[in-house]
Amino acid sequence: MKTTVIILISILTLIFACSNATNEKNADVSNKINVDFEVGHLSSEAELDNLVARGGDDVVDWQLSKEFCELWLEDAIFEGYFAADSVLYDIPITVYDGDGNIKYYEFRVMNNGEAVGTIVGAADKEYGCPVLYCNKNAGYSEELKDLYDNTLLDEGQTIRLVDNGYPTVALGAVDETKGDSMDFMGFIDIESGDSLNEVASYISFDEAYNNQEEYEIDIDWEAQKESIDQYKAEGKTFWEMAEANKGSIADFAVRGSSSKKSDEISSSCMNKYKNKVTRRKNNIIVNYVACGPCAAGFVLDFMAANDYKTGTWKYNGDYDKKKNSLYEQMKVEPMFGGEVTWPWNIGKSIIVYTSYQVSSSSQTYPKRSIANNLPGISLRIGKGGAHYRPVIAWKKNGWWAFSWPQIKVFDLVDNKSSNGSWETYIPLYHLQCYDVVKK
């Protein structure tokens, strides 16, 4: 009898083990199908191969971009951002601007058949850097399936991702009567399926320089321009070297000590923030809507969660009251189709509630803040204004004589991830960083 029971248990164990293994295998296949579905609708290898011929000398070859993204992935794995056996999907998803110019290559990071993140390569040499973003964005397969299931998209219509204030994207409906050119007949919100009249994109420093009166920011425009001209010259040299070594970038690349320089707010401080600062019912990290209040509100909530003296802010648990006080103190104005916080007001609420203030950083990242376990704020150029984001870490990465500062952005407006997103600091598209320091 005992022998029979043991045999029966063994058989049941084997059945369940096989069943679990089959379920895991099916899940892996299903996840892989999701990515295949996404890439199949948003990209093609033939299109990628045609980009350089169609776009000219300023377009980065996607295979060269992939070599650099693979190196970036190695670093992300070493730092624990992605699991050890993560790899890049075979081909990237293209992202264009509203005029049909290629801007980014989104390479999905795969682990056990599942997309777990994205590394974004530059498709335009203007950026002067091969990799622009590294984040936990797992793609848009679910959004696409919903749009097709609800007949908001037609399977016969070619669509592509379009920059809408990246990392926010929209869908562009391709006008296929125009041959090889990437012309869009219209734009679609990727979540709702609603038609969009236009898409937003970040303007370059050169455009801002020629329209300084629109950007009432206390910076030395001439010194900034001189620095950017130097950056462009270095970028040109970099791409010449990179193209000369296409196919063997991993062998040729030699990381310098610069890649080891980094600093990040402690995980214990971030966890205190995440644990304490949530909306009560839906348990999401607080988002104060406009980018200025989001950035300043994050600093205040972080400080309150970590027991800094923040006066009545710490004891005010009402979300609407907090949001209204930020808007009032920072004098947020409706403008340019959005809500604008002027640079001289970005630190007003921090001054009101704490013994700290914001100070324009001489670095490309808020180094003093993070060294003191406090977040900083980044200011990026936007259409008709600027865009603020909290910063919780910085590092340098690079090869040969080239290195690029990176900032880890905790962007509650464009990127809902509570892990933060790495972004290369490109002088052409960034204006300033602010440290949070004692008064």
Protein backbone atom coordinates (compact mmCIF):
# COMPACT_ATOMS: atom_id res chain seq x y z
CA MET A 1 0.00 0.00 0.00
CA LYS A 2 2.79 2.40 0.95
CA THR A 3 4.58 1.58 -2.32
CA THR A 4 1.40 2.31 -4.29
CA VAL A 5 0.99 5.71 -2.61
CA ILE A 6 4.60 6.64 -3.31
CA ILE A 7 4.22 5.66 -6.96
CA LEU A 8 0.96 7.63 -7.23
CA ILE A 9 2.56 10.74 -5.70
CA SER A 10 5.54 10.39 -8.04
CA ILE A 11 3.22 10.17 -11.06
CA LEU A 12 1.21 13.21 -9.90
CA THR A 13 4.42 15.14 -9.26
CA LEU A 14 5.66 14.30 -12.74
CA ILE A 15 2.33 15.33 -14.27
CA PHE A 16 2.29 18.67 -12.45
CA ALA A 17 5.96 19.26 -13.22
CA CYS A 18 5.34 18.60 -16.91
CA SER A 19 2.22 20.76 -16.77
CA ASN A 20 4.12 23.64 -15.14
CA ALA A 21 6.96 23.30 -17.63
CA THR A 22 4.46 23.35 -20.49
CA ASN A 23 2.72 26.41 -19.04
CA GLU A 24 6.04 28.21 -18.67
CA LYS A 25 7.00 27.28 -22.23
CA ASN A 26 3.61 28.45 -23.52
CA ALA A 27 4.01 31.73 -21.62
CA ASP A 28 7.46 32.25 -23.18
CA VAL A 29 6.04 31.56 -26.65
CA SER A 30 3.09 33.88 -25.99
CA ASN A 31 5.38 36.69 -24.83
CA LYS A 32 7.63 36.23 -27.86
CA ILE A 33 4.55 36.34 -30.10
CA ASN A 34 3.60 39.67 -28.50
CA VAL A 35 6.93 41.20 -29.48
CA ASP A 36 6.81 39.62 -32.93
CA PHE A 37 3.36 41.15 -33.36
CA GLU A 38 4.56 44.59 -32.25
CA VAL A 39 7.70 44.62 -34.40
CA GLY A 40 5.84 43.17 -37.37
CA HIS A 41 3.38 46.07 -37.31
CA LEU A 42 5.87 48.84 -36.55
CA SER A 43 9.06 47.99 -38.43
CA SER A 44 10.63 45.86 -41.16
CA GLU A 45 14.17 44.88 -42.02
CA ALA A 46 13.73 46.04 -45.61
CA GLU A 47 12.71 49.49 -44.39
CA LEU A 48 15.67 49.59 -42.00
CA ASP A 49 18.12 48.65 -44.75
CA ASN A 50 16.69 51.37 -46.98
CA LEU A 51 17.02 54.15 -44.41
CA VAL A 52 20.66 55.06 -45.05
CA ALA A 53 20.17 55.18 -48.81
CA ARG A 54 17.03 57.27 -48.41
CA GLY A 55 18.17 59.48 -45.53
CA GLY A 56 21.73 60.29 -46.52
CA ASP A 57 24.91 60.69 -44.52
CA ASP A 58 23.19 61.85 -41.31
CA VAL A 59 21.34 58.55 -40.78
CA VAL A 60 22.96 55.96 -38.51
CA ASP A 61 23.01 52.43 -39.93
CA TRP A 62 20.70 50.35 -37.71
CA GLN A 63 23.17 47.47 -37.51
CA LEU A 64 25.89 49.83 -36.25
CA SER A 65 23.38 51.19 -33.74
CA LYS A 66 22.66 47.66 -32.54
CA GLU A 67 26.36 47.04 -31.86
CA PHE A 68 26.45 50.00 -29.50
CA CYS A 69 23.13 49.08 -27.88
CA GLU A 70 24.52 45.62 -27.16
CA LEU A 71 27.48 47.21 -25.37
CA TRP A 72 25.06 49.41 -23.43
CA LEU A 73 23.07 46.30 -22.49
CA GLU A 74 26.25 44.67 -21.15
CA ASP A 75 26.75 47.62 -18.81
CA ALA A 76 23.07 47.57 -17.75
CA ILE A 77 23.35 43.84 -16.94
CA PHE A 78 26.58 44.42 -15.00
CA GLU A 79 24.82 47.12 -12.95
CA GLY A 80 21.84 44.85 -12.26
CA TYR A 81 19.35 46.90 -14.27
CA PHE A 82 18.58 43.87 -16.50
CA ALA A 83 18.93 40.13 -15.80
CA ALA A 84 22.16 38.38 -16.83
CA ASP A 85 20.73 36.43 -19.77
CA SER A 86 18.97 39.40 -21.41
CA VAL A 87 19.48 40.00 -25.14
CA LEU A 88 18.28 42.45 -27.78
CA TYR A 89 15.49 41.57 -30.20
CA ASP A 90 16.72 40.94 -33.75
CA ILE A 91 15.68 44.28 -35.28
CA PRO A 92 14.61 47.62 -33.81
CA ILE A 93 11.35 49.51 -34.03
CA THR A 94 11.75 52.81 -35.87
CA VAL A 95 10.59 56.14 -34.44
CA TYR A 96 10.14 59.10 -36.81
CA ASP A 97 9.39 62.77 -36.28
CA GLY A 98 6.17 64.24 -37.63
CA ASP A 99 7.87 65.15 -40.90
CA GLY A 100 8.96 61.56 -41.56
CA ASN A 101 12.61 61.89 -40.56
CA ILE A 102 14.07 58.92 -38.69
CA LYS A 103 15.01 59.80 -35.08
CA TYR A 104 15.36 56.67 -32.92
CA TYR A 105 15.82 52.91 -33.00
CA GLU A 106 13.98 51.15 -30.16
CA PHE A 107 15.62 47.80 -29.41
CA ARG A 108 13.50 45.64 -27.11
CA VAL A 109 15.44 43.91 -24.34
CA MET A 110 14.32 40.27 -24.16
CA ASN A 111 14.53 37.84 -21.25
CA ASN A 112 13.00 34.35 -21.37
CA GLY A 113 11.04 35.33 -24.45
CA GLU A 114 9.56 38.42 -22.81
CA ALA A 115 10.23 42.09 -23.48
CA VAL A 116 11.52 43.58 -20.22
CA GLY A 117 12.85 46.93 -21.39
CA THR A 118 14.14 49.07 -24.23
CA ILE A 119 17.50 50.49 -25.25
CA VAL A 120 17.12 53.39 -27.67
CA GLY A 121 19.82 54.03 -30.25
CA ALA A 122 20.26 57.32 -32.08
CA ALA A 123 19.19 57.08 -35.72
CA ASP A 124 20.34 60.64 -36.43
CA LYS A 125 24.05 61.52 -36.11
CA GLU A 126 23.11 64.99 -34.91
CA TYR A 127 22.78 63.60 -31.38
CA GLY A 128 26.54 62.97 -31.33
CA CYS A 129 26.01 59.88 -29.18
CA PRO A 130 25.08 56.30 -30.09
CA VAL A 131 22.64 55.47 -27.27
CA LEU A 132 20.03 57.86 -25.89
CA TYR A 133 17.76 55.96 -23.47
CA CYS A 134 17.75 52.78 -21.40
CA ASN A 135 14.49 51.98 -19.62
CA LYS A 136 11.95 49.34 -18.58
CA ASN A 137 9.47 50.11 -21.36
CA ALA A 138 8.32 46.67 -22.54
CA GLY A 139 6.70 47.99 -25.72
CA TYR A 140 3.26 48.64 -27.13
CA SER A 141 1.90 45.24 -28.14
CA GLU A 142 -1.06 45.44 -25.75
CA GLU A 143 -2.00 48.94 -26.90
CA LEU A 144 -1.80 47.86 -30.54
CA LYS A 145 -3.95 44.77 -29.97
CA ASP A 146 -6.60 46.86 -28.22
CA LEU A 147 -6.68 49.33 -31.11
CA TYR A 148 -7.02 46.54 -33.68
CA ASP A 149 -9.61 44.64 -31.61
CA ASN A 150 -11.71 47.79 -31.31
CA THR A 151 -11.32 48.52 -35.06
CA LEU A 152 -9.56 51.81 -34.30
CA LEU A 153 -6.74 50.58 -36.56
CA ASP A 154 -7.05 48.84 -39.91
CA GLU A 155 -4.76 45.85 -40.55
CA GLY A 156 -4.29 47.10 -44.11
CA GLN A 157 -2.89 50.46 -42.95
CA THR A 158 0.87 50.78 -42.41
CA ILE A 159 1.67 52.51 -39.11
CA ARG A 160 4.88 53.68 -37.48
CA LEU A 161 5.85 55.16 -34.12
CA VAL A 162 6.15 58.96 -34.15
CA ASP A 163 7.94 61.20 -31.66
CA ASN A 164 5.36 63.03 -29.54
CA GLY A 165 7.73 64.58 -27.01
CA TYR A 166 9.84 61.44 -26.61
CA PRO A 167 9.70 59.10 -24.74
CA THR A 168 5.99 59.77 -25.36
CA VAL A 169 5.05 58.46 -28.80
CA ALA A 170 2.06 58.46 -31.13
CA LEU A 171 1.18 56.37 -34.16
CA GLY A 172 1.55 57.77 -37.66
CA ALA A 173 -0.59 56.48 -40.53
CA VAL A 174 1.79 56.16 -43.50
CA ASP A 175 0.75 57.65 -46.84
CA GLU A 176 1.80 54.78 -49.08
CA THR A 177 1.15 56.71 -52.27
CA LYS A 178 4.44 58.58 -51.71
CA GLY A 179 6.74 55.67 -52.52
CA ASP A 180 9.76 55.22 -50.25
CA SER A 181 9.35 58.52 -48.39
CA MET A 182 7.85 58.33 -44.90
CA ASP A 183 4.91 60.75 -45.14
CA PHE A 184 2.10 60.60 -42.60
CA MET A 185 -1.57 61.16 -43.41
CA GLY A 186 -2.47 61.61 -39.75
CA PHE A 187 -1.53 60.82 -36.17
CA ILE A 188 -3.22 58.62 -33.58
CA ASP A 189 -2.99 58.53 -29.79
CA ILE A 190 -1.45 55.13 -29.05
CA GLU A 191 -3.58 54.56 -25.94
CA SER A 192 -6.99 55.92 -26.87
CA GLY A 193 -6.96 55.68 -30.65
CA ASP A 194 -8.09 59.32 -30.91
CA SER A 195 -6.91 61.37 -33.85
CA LEU A 196 -4.26 64.01 -33.10
CA ASN A 197 -4.02 67.29 -34.96
CA GLU A 198 -0.25 67.36 -34.50
CA VAL A 199 2.60 65.78 -32.56
CA ALA A 200 5.11 67.50 -30.30
CA SER A 201 8.88 67.12 -30.43
CA TYR A 202 11.82 68.65 -28.63
CA ILE A 203 13.53 71.44 -30.50
CA SER A 204 17.30 71.74 -30.66
CA PHE A 205 19.46 74.31 -28.90
CA ASP A 206 20.08 76.01 -32.25
CA GLU A 207 16.34 76.71 -32.60
CA ALA A 208 16.17 77.99 -29.02
CA TYR A 209 19.28 80.12 -29.57
CA ASN A 210 17.60 81.82 -32.52
CA ASN A 211 14.48 82.47 -30.41
CA GLN A 212 16.01 83.39 -27.05
CA GLU A 213 13.20 85.78 -26.17
CA GLU A 214 10.84 82.80 -25.83
CA TYR A 215 13.10 81.14 -23.24
CA GLU A 216 13.47 83.51 -20.34
CA ILE A 217 16.22 81.41 -18.77
CA ASP A 218 19.28 82.72 -16.98
CA ILE A 219 22.04 81.07 -19.01
CA ASP A 220 25.04 82.32 -20.96
CA TRP A 221 23.73 81.63 -24.47
CA GLU A 222 27.06 82.38 -26.18
CA ALA A 223 29.07 80.12 -23.88
CA GLN A 224 26.47 77.40 -24.34
CA LYS A 225 26.65 77.77 -28.12
CA GLU A 226 30.45 77.52 -28.08
CA SER A 227 30.23 74.36 -25.99
CA ILE A 228 27.65 72.84 -28.34
CA ASP A 229 29.71 73.65 -31.43
CA GLN A 230 32.58 71.75 -29.83
CA TYR A 231 30.21 68.88 -28.99
CA LYS A 232 29.08 68.70 -32.64
CA ALA A 233 32.70 68.55 -33.85
CA GLU A 234 33.48 65.73 -31.40
CA GLY A 235 30.32 63.93 -32.49
CA LYS A 236 31.39 64.06 -36.12
CA THR A 237 34.76 62.54 -35.22
CA PHE A 238 33.05 59.86 -33.15
CA TRP A 239 30.77 58.73 -35.98
CA GLU A 240 33.66 58.64 -38.43
CA MET A 241 35.55 56.29 -36.10
CA ALA A 242 32.44 54.23 -35.42
CA GLU A 243 31.62 53.73 -39.10
CA ALA A 244 35.23 52.78 -39.84
CA ASN A 245 34.89 49.95 -37.29
CA LYS A 246 31.37 48.76 -38.08
CA GLY A 247 31.07 45.03 -37.50
CA SER A 248 33.77 44.92 -34.85
CA ILE A 249 32.70 47.64 -32.41
CA ALA A 250 32.78 45.25 -29.45
CA ASP A 251 36.38 44.28 -30.23
CA PHE A 252 37.55 47.83 -30.83
CA ALA A 253 35.70 49.56 -28.00
CA VAL A 254 37.83 50.19 -24.93
CA ARG A 255 36.00 51.56 -21.93
CA GLY A 256 37.86 54.22 -19.99
CA SER A 257 37.65 54.97 -16.29
CA SER A 258 34.88 57.46 -17.09
CA SER A 259 32.40 54.60 -17.39
CA LYS A 260 32.93 53.85 -13.69
CA LYS A 261 31.93 57.31 -12.48
CA SER A 262 28.43 57.34 -11.04
CA ASP A 263 26.28 58.23 -8.06
CA GLU A 264 22.69 57.42 -7.15
CA ILE A 265 20.24 58.23 -4.37
CA SER A 266 20.24 55.29 -1.96
CA SER A 267 17.64 52.59 -2.58
CA SER A 268 16.50 52.83 1.05
CA CYS A 269 15.61 56.51 0.57
CA MET A 270 13.80 55.76 -2.69
CA ASN A 271 11.91 52.89 -1.06
CA LYS A 272 10.76 55.14 1.77
CA TYR A 273 9.38 57.50 -0.86
CA LYS A 274 7.66 54.73 -2.83
CA ASN A 275 6.18 53.18 0.30
CA LYS A 276 4.79 56.39 1.76
CA VAL A 277 3.92 58.55 -1.22
CA THR A 278 1.01 56.93 -3.01
CA ARG A 279 -2.52 57.80 -3.93
CA ARG A 280 -4.79 56.04 -1.49
CA LYS A 281 -7.17 54.14 -3.78
CA ASN A 282 -5.16 53.21 -6.83
CA ASN A 283 -1.76 53.08 -5.15
CA ILE A 284 0.20 54.95 -7.83
CA ILE A 285 3.03 57.35 -7.25
CA VAL A 286 1.76 60.89 -7.02
CA ASN A 287 1.64 62.85 -10.28
CA TYR A 288 0.97 66.58 -10.00
CA VAL A 289 0.10 66.79 -13.73
CA ALA A 290 2.25 69.66 -15.13
CA CYS A 291 5.99 68.95 -15.34
CA GLY A 292 7.10 71.82 -13.04
CA PRO A 293 4.81 70.87 -10.13
CA CYS A 294 5.64 67.19 -10.73
CA ALA A 295 9.37 67.85 -10.34
CA ALA A 296 9.07 70.15 -7.32
CA GLY A 297 6.35 67.98 -5.76
CA PHE A 298 8.55 64.92 -6.09
CA VAL A 299 11.38 66.70 -4.26
CA LEU A 300 9.02 67.71 -1.42
CA ASP A 301 7.39 64.29 -1.15
CA PHE A 302 10.81 62.61 -1.19
CA MET A 303 12.09 64.91 1.56
CA ALA A 304 8.96 64.40 3.67
CA ALA A 305 9.19 60.61 3.31
CA ASN A 306 12.82 60.75 4.45
CA ASP A 307 12.09 62.88 7.52
CA TYR A 308 13.39 66.24 6.33
CA LYS A 309 11.62 69.23 7.86
CA THR A 310 8.95 70.16 5.31
CA GLY A 311 6.51 72.10 7.51
CA THR A 312 2.84 71.65 6.72
CA TRP A 313 3.61 69.78 3.48
CA LYS A 314 4.45 66.60 5.41
CA TYR A 315 1.16 66.61 7.32
CA ASN A 316 -1.06 67.62 4.41
CA GLY A 317 -2.32 64.30 3.07
CA ASP A 318 -4.81 65.83 0.67
CA TYR A 319 -3.59 65.43 -2.93
CA ASP A 320 -5.67 68.30 -4.34
CA LYS A 321 -4.46 70.73 -1.67
CA LYS A 322 -0.85 69.83 -2.41
CA LYS A 323 -1.36 70.19 -6.14
CA ASN A 324 -3.13 73.55 -5.75
CA SER A 325 -0.42 74.92 -3.48
CA LEU A 326 2.27 73.93 -6.01
CA TYR A 327 0.39 75.62 -8.86
CA GLU A 328 -0.19 78.77 -6.80
CA GLN A 329 3.34 79.15 -5.37
CA MET A 330 5.04 78.31 -8.67
CA LYS A 331 2.68 80.57 -10.63
CA VAL A 332 1.89 77.88 -13.20
CA GLU A 333 0.28 79.49 -16.26
CA PRO A 334 -1.77 78.03 -19.12
CA MET A 335 0.31 78.72 -22.22
CA PHE A 336 1.49 77.12 -25.49
CA GLY A 337 -1.32 74.60 -25.23
CA GLY A 338 -0.05 73.37 -21.85
CA GLU A 339 0.85 74.57 -18.35
CA VAL A 340 4.10 76.50 -17.98
CA THR A 341 6.38 76.95 -14.97
CA TRP A 342 8.96 79.67 -15.52
CA PRO A 343 12.52 78.78 -14.47
CA TRP A 344 12.69 81.43 -11.74
CA ASN A 345 9.65 79.80 -10.08
CA ILE A 346 10.75 76.15 -10.17
CA GLY A 347 12.12 76.30 -6.62
CA LYS A 348 9.42 78.49 -5.00
CA SER A 349 7.53 75.67 -3.23
CA ILE A 350 10.77 74.06 -2.04
CA ILE A 351 11.77 77.39 -0.46
CA VAL A 352 8.34 77.79 1.18
CA TYR A 353 8.24 74.38 2.87
CA THR A 354 11.89 73.56 3.57
CA SER A 355 15.24 75.09 4.51
CA TYR A 356 16.46 74.23 0.98
CA GLN A 357 16.46 75.95 -2.40
CA VAL A 358 17.33 75.08 -6.00
CA SER A 359 20.63 76.18 -7.47
CA SER A 360 21.55 76.08 -11.16
CA SER A 361 24.19 73.38 -11.59
CA SER A 362 27.49 73.96 -13.34
CA GLN A 363 27.44 70.24 -14.18
CA THR A 364 25.34 68.46 -16.77
CA TYR A 365 23.71 66.59 -13.89
CA PRO A 366 22.70 67.61 -10.32
CA LYS A 367 25.83 66.19 -8.74
CA ARG A 368 25.66 68.04 -5.41
CA SER A 369 22.06 66.99 -4.78
CA ILE A 370 22.64 63.32 -5.41
CA ALA A 371 25.87 63.29 -3.37
CA ASN A 372 23.68 64.42 -0.46
CA ASN A 373 20.99 61.79 -1.17
CA LEU A 374 18.58 64.36 -2.57
CA PRO A 375 17.00 64.49 -6.05
CA GLY A 376 17.77 67.26 -8.51
CA ILE A 377 15.84 68.66 -11.47
CA SER A 378 16.67 68.63 -15.19
CA LEU A 379 15.41 71.24 -17.65
CA ARG A 380 15.00 70.14 -21.24
CA ILE A 381 14.00 72.26 -24.23
CA GLY A 382 10.46 71.70 -25.50
CA LYS A 383 8.20 73.08 -28.20
CA GLY A 384 7.37 76.62 -27.13
CA GLY A 385 8.76 76.11 -23.63
CA ALA A 386 10.72 73.64 -21.54
CA HIS A 387 10.27 70.39 -19.67
CA TYR A 388 11.30 69.64 -16.06
CA ARG A 389 12.09 66.15 -14.75
CA PRO A 390 13.35 64.89 -11.37
CA VAL A 391 16.80 63.27 -11.49
CA ILE A 392 17.82 60.53 -9.03
CA ALA A 393 21.21 59.36 -10.40
CA TRP A 394 24.02 60.17 -12.82
CA LYS A 395 26.89 58.35 -14.48
CA LYS A 396 29.28 58.52 -17.40
CA ASN A 397 29.60 55.91 -20.08
CA GLY A 398 31.69 55.72 -23.22
CA TRP A 399 34.50 54.26 -25.27
CA TRP A 400 37.77 55.43 -26.78
CA ALA A 401 38.24 59.11 -25.96
CA PHE A 402 34.45 59.65 -25.92
CA SER A 403 32.16 59.63 -22.93
CA TRP A 404 28.63 60.90 -22.31
CA PRO A 405 26.94 61.95 -19.09
CA GLN A 406 23.72 60.11 -18.29
CA ILE A 407 20.97 61.04 -15.89
CA LYS A 408 18.39 58.72 -14.36
CA VAL A 409 15.10 60.52 -14.79
CA PHE A 410 12.13 59.87 -12.53
CA ASP A 411 9.59 61.36 -14.92
CA LEU A 412 6.03 61.09 -13.63
CA VAL A 413 4.57 62.86 -16.67
CA ASP A 414 6.10 60.99 -19.62
CA ASN A 415 7.26 57.75 -18.02
CA LYS A 416 5.18 56.14 -15.29
CA SER A 417 7.91 53.63 -14.31
CA SER A 418 8.77 53.75 -10.62
CA ASN A 419 12.28 52.47 -11.45
CA GLY A 420 13.46 55.57 -13.29
CA SER A 421 14.80 55.76 -16.84
CA TRP A 422 18.38 56.34 -17.97
CA GLU A 423 18.81 59.14 -20.50
CA THR A 424 21.97 60.45 -22.14
CA TYR A 425 22.51 64.14 -21.50
CA ILE A 426 22.66 65.66 -25.00
CA PRO A 427 23.61 69.37 -24.90
CA LEU A 428 21.62 70.03 -28.07
CA TYR A 429 18.38 69.21 -26.24
CA HIS A 430 19.09 70.04 -22.60
CA LEU A 431 19.45 73.45 -21.03
CA GLN A 432 20.12 73.17 -17.31
CA CYS A 433 20.15 71.04 -14.19
CA TYR A 434 19.29 72.24 -10.71
CA ASP A 435 20.73 71.05 -7.41
CA VAL A 436 18.63 71.08 -4.24
CA VAL A 437 20.88 72.71 -1.62
CA LYS A 438 20.72 74.34 1.78
CA LYS A 439 19.64 78.00 1.79
